[in-house]
Amino acid sequence: MDIAIIATGAVTLLAPYVRKAAEEYAGAAGQAVWEATQRLYRRLKGALAPDPAAADAMTRFEQAPEAEQEAFVRVLSARLAADPGLADQVAESIATAKRAGATVHVVQRVVEAERVVGAEVGRIRGDRSLRVDQQVERGKDVLGVRIDEL
């Protein structure tokens, strides 16, 4: 288990949460991801509270996520290294959020084709993302993405 990767993943997941109001985040990222992030936030807030320096680092991160992100990763890395149980919980929270926020990425590199379709989707939920990356040199009837219902 790489503590630095876990800490960085946790801070990356928390950054949009502390930047936005809870309802805005829920709408943007999806309810399941928001709930996993909220549990992670509460778990870390409680775990860091007994250590004044760590609690202060989290408060500074909450107030200025971009400016304090690196410092908070360092503080969180040290705390996770000292508490493997907490590190396991944080890693599981990150994994849960990743599973909840599915992403589809279609990559196509086509030299020549008659009909090229990146993705045809009947319905995509608000908590999912789809990205189509196409490079077509010569093509007829090229479609990046068609979504029937958002």
Protein backbone atom coordinates (compact mmCIF):
# COMPACT_ATOMS: atom_id res chain seq x y z
CA MET A 1 0.00 0.00 0.00
CA ASP A 2 1.48 3.31 -1.11
CA ILE A 3 0.47 5.92 1.46
CA ALA A 4 1.33 8.87 -0.80
CA ILE A 5 -0.99 7.57 -3.53
CA ILE A 6 -3.81 7.03 -1.02
CA ALA A 7 -3.36 10.49 0.49
CA THR A 8 -3.21 12.13 -2.94
CA GLY A 9 -6.31 10.23 -4.06
CA ALA A 10 -8.20 11.27 -0.94
CA VAL A 11 -7.28 14.93 -1.32
CA THR A 12 -8.11 14.86 -5.03
CA LEU A 13 -11.52 13.39 -4.23
CA LEU A 14 -12.16 15.90 -1.44
CA ALA A 15 -11.08 19.04 -3.34
CA PRO A 16 -14.31 19.48 -5.34
CA TYR A 17 -16.32 18.63 -2.22
CA VAL A 18 -14.79 21.39 -0.12
CA ARG A 19 -14.95 23.84 -3.04
CA LYS A 20 -18.69 23.48 -3.60
CA ALA A 21 -21.79 23.29 -1.47
CA ALA A 22 -22.90 19.72 -0.84
CA GLU A 23 -25.96 19.97 -3.10
CA GLU A 24 -23.95 21.41 -6.00
CA TYR A 25 -21.41 18.61 -5.68
CA ALA A 26 -24.15 16.01 -5.56
CA GLY A 27 -25.62 17.34 -8.77
CA ALA A 28 -22.27 17.58 -10.52
CA ALA A 29 -20.71 14.31 -9.47
CA GLY A 30 -23.68 12.11 -8.70
CA GLN A 31 -25.32 11.09 -5.48
CA ALA A 32 -23.30 7.91 -4.89
CA VAL A 33 -19.95 9.67 -5.36
CA TRP A 34 -21.10 12.52 -3.13
CA GLU A 35 -22.10 10.10 -0.37
CA ALA A 36 -18.76 8.26 -0.54
CA THR A 37 -16.90 11.58 -0.47
CA GLN A 38 -18.98 12.82 2.46
CA ARG A 39 -18.16 9.65 4.44
CA LEU A 40 -14.47 10.11 3.64
CA TYR A 41 -14.61 13.75 4.71
CA ARG A 42 -16.27 12.92 8.03
CA ARG A 43 -13.87 10.04 8.68
CA LEU A 44 -10.82 12.23 8.06
CA LYS A 45 -12.24 15.18 10.00
CA GLY A 46 -12.76 12.92 13.03
CA ALA A 47 -9.42 11.16 12.69
CA LEU A 48 -7.46 14.42 12.39
CA ALA A 49 -9.36 16.33 15.11
CA PRO A 50 -7.21 15.10 18.05
CA ASP A 51 -4.03 16.42 16.38
CA PRO A 52 -4.18 20.26 16.33
CA ALA A 53 -1.63 20.61 13.51
CA ALA A 54 -3.41 18.04 11.30
CA ALA A 55 -6.83 19.54 12.06
CA ASP A 56 -5.48 22.98 11.17
CA ALA A 57 -4.08 21.63 7.88
CA MET A 58 -7.50 20.23 7.01
CA THR A 59 -9.20 23.53 7.89
CA ARG A 60 -6.76 25.43 5.66
CA PHE A 61 -7.42 22.92 2.87
CA GLU A 62 -11.20 23.41 3.28
CA GLN A 63 -10.78 27.17 3.00
CA ALA A 64 -8.37 27.17 0.04
CA PRO A 65 -8.24 23.73 -1.63
CA GLU A 66 -5.97 24.69 -4.53
CA ALA A 67 -3.45 26.57 -2.42
CA GLU A 68 -3.37 24.03 0.43
CA GLN A 69 -3.66 20.76 -1.49
CA GLU A 70 0.04 19.85 -1.45
CA ALA A 71 0.45 20.70 2.22
CA PHE A 72 -2.61 18.67 3.13
CA VAL A 73 -1.34 15.68 1.14
CA ARG A 74 1.89 15.79 3.19
CA VAL A 75 0.03 15.99 6.51
CA LEU A 76 -2.43 13.27 5.50
CA SER A 77 0.38 11.02 4.25
CA ALA A 78 2.10 11.23 7.63
CA ARG A 79 -1.15 10.47 9.47
CA LEU A 80 -1.99 7.51 7.21
CA ALA A 81 1.53 6.10 7.59
CA ALA A 82 1.07 6.21 11.37
CA ASP A 83 -2.40 4.60 11.22
CA PRO A 84 -2.63 1.69 8.75
CA GLY A 85 -6.26 1.06 9.71
CA LEU A 86 -7.20 4.58 8.71
CA ALA A 87 -5.18 4.18 5.51
CA ASP A 88 -7.21 1.06 4.66
CA GLN A 89 -10.47 2.91 5.31
CA VAL A 90 -9.41 5.85 3.13
CA ALA A 91 -8.32 3.50 0.33
CA GLU A 92 -11.71 1.76 0.48
CA SER A 93 -13.53 5.10 0.38
CA ILE A 94 -11.60 6.07 -2.75
CA ALA A 95 -12.36 2.70 -4.37
CA THR A 96 -16.07 3.10 -3.54
CA ALA A 97 -16.19 6.55 -5.10
CA LYS A 98 -14.42 5.30 -8.22
CA ARG A 99 -16.89 2.45 -8.61
CA ALA A 100 -19.84 4.82 -8.19
CA GLY A 101 -18.63 7.33 -10.76
CA ALA A 102 -18.18 5.19 -13.84
CA THR A 103 -16.41 6.68 -16.83
CA VAL A 104 -16.43 5.50 -20.43
CA HIS A 105 -13.63 6.65 -22.72
CA VAL A 106 -13.74 5.69 -26.42
CA VAL A 107 -10.60 6.20 -28.49
CA GLN A 108 -10.64 5.70 -32.25
CA ARG A 109 -7.81 6.20 -34.74
CA VAL A 110 -9.12 5.64 -38.26
CA VAL A 111 -7.25 6.04 -41.52
CA GLU A 112 -10.22 5.50 -43.83
CA ALA A 113 -13.81 4.41 -43.19
CA GLU A 114 -17.35 4.67 -44.57
CA ARG A 115 -19.23 4.87 -41.24
CA VAL A 116 -17.49 5.71 -37.96
CA VAL A 117 -19.39 5.85 -34.68
CA GLY A 118 -17.65 6.65 -31.42
CA ALA A 119 -20.58 5.84 -29.13
CA GLU A 120 -24.34 5.49 -29.39
CA VAL A 121 -25.98 5.68 -26.00
CA GLY A 122 -29.63 5.29 -25.16
CA ARG A 123 -29.47 7.09 -21.82
CA ILE A 124 -26.65 8.42 -19.68
CA ARG A 125 -27.18 9.19 -16.00
CA GLY A 126 -25.92 12.41 -14.49
CA ASP A 127 -23.31 10.65 -12.37
CA ARG A 128 -21.57 9.01 -15.34
CA SER A 129 -19.24 10.49 -17.88
CA LEU A 130 -18.52 9.65 -21.47
CA ARG A 131 -15.58 10.85 -23.54
CA VAL A 132 -15.03 10.13 -27.21
CA ASP A 133 -11.65 10.85 -28.80
CA GLN A 134 -11.66 10.36 -32.57
CA GLN A 135 -9.04 10.96 -35.20
CA VAL A 136 -10.33 10.18 -38.68
CA GLU A 137 -8.07 10.89 -41.67
CA ARG A 138 -10.63 10.09 -44.37
CA GLY A 139 -14.18 9.28 -43.44
CA LYS A 140 -17.75 9.39 -44.58
CA ASP A 141 -20.63 9.55 -42.12
CA VAL A 142 -18.53 10.18 -38.97
CA LEU A 143 -20.36 10.43 -35.66
CA GLY A 144 -18.62 11.15 -32.36
CA VAL A 145 -21.46 10.45 -29.95
CA ARG A 146 -25.25 10.17 -30.04
CA ILE A 147 -27.10 10.25 -26.73
CA ASP A 148 -30.85 9.74 -26.82
CA GLU A 149 -31.49 10.92 -23.26
CA LEU A 150 -29.41 12.73 -20.65
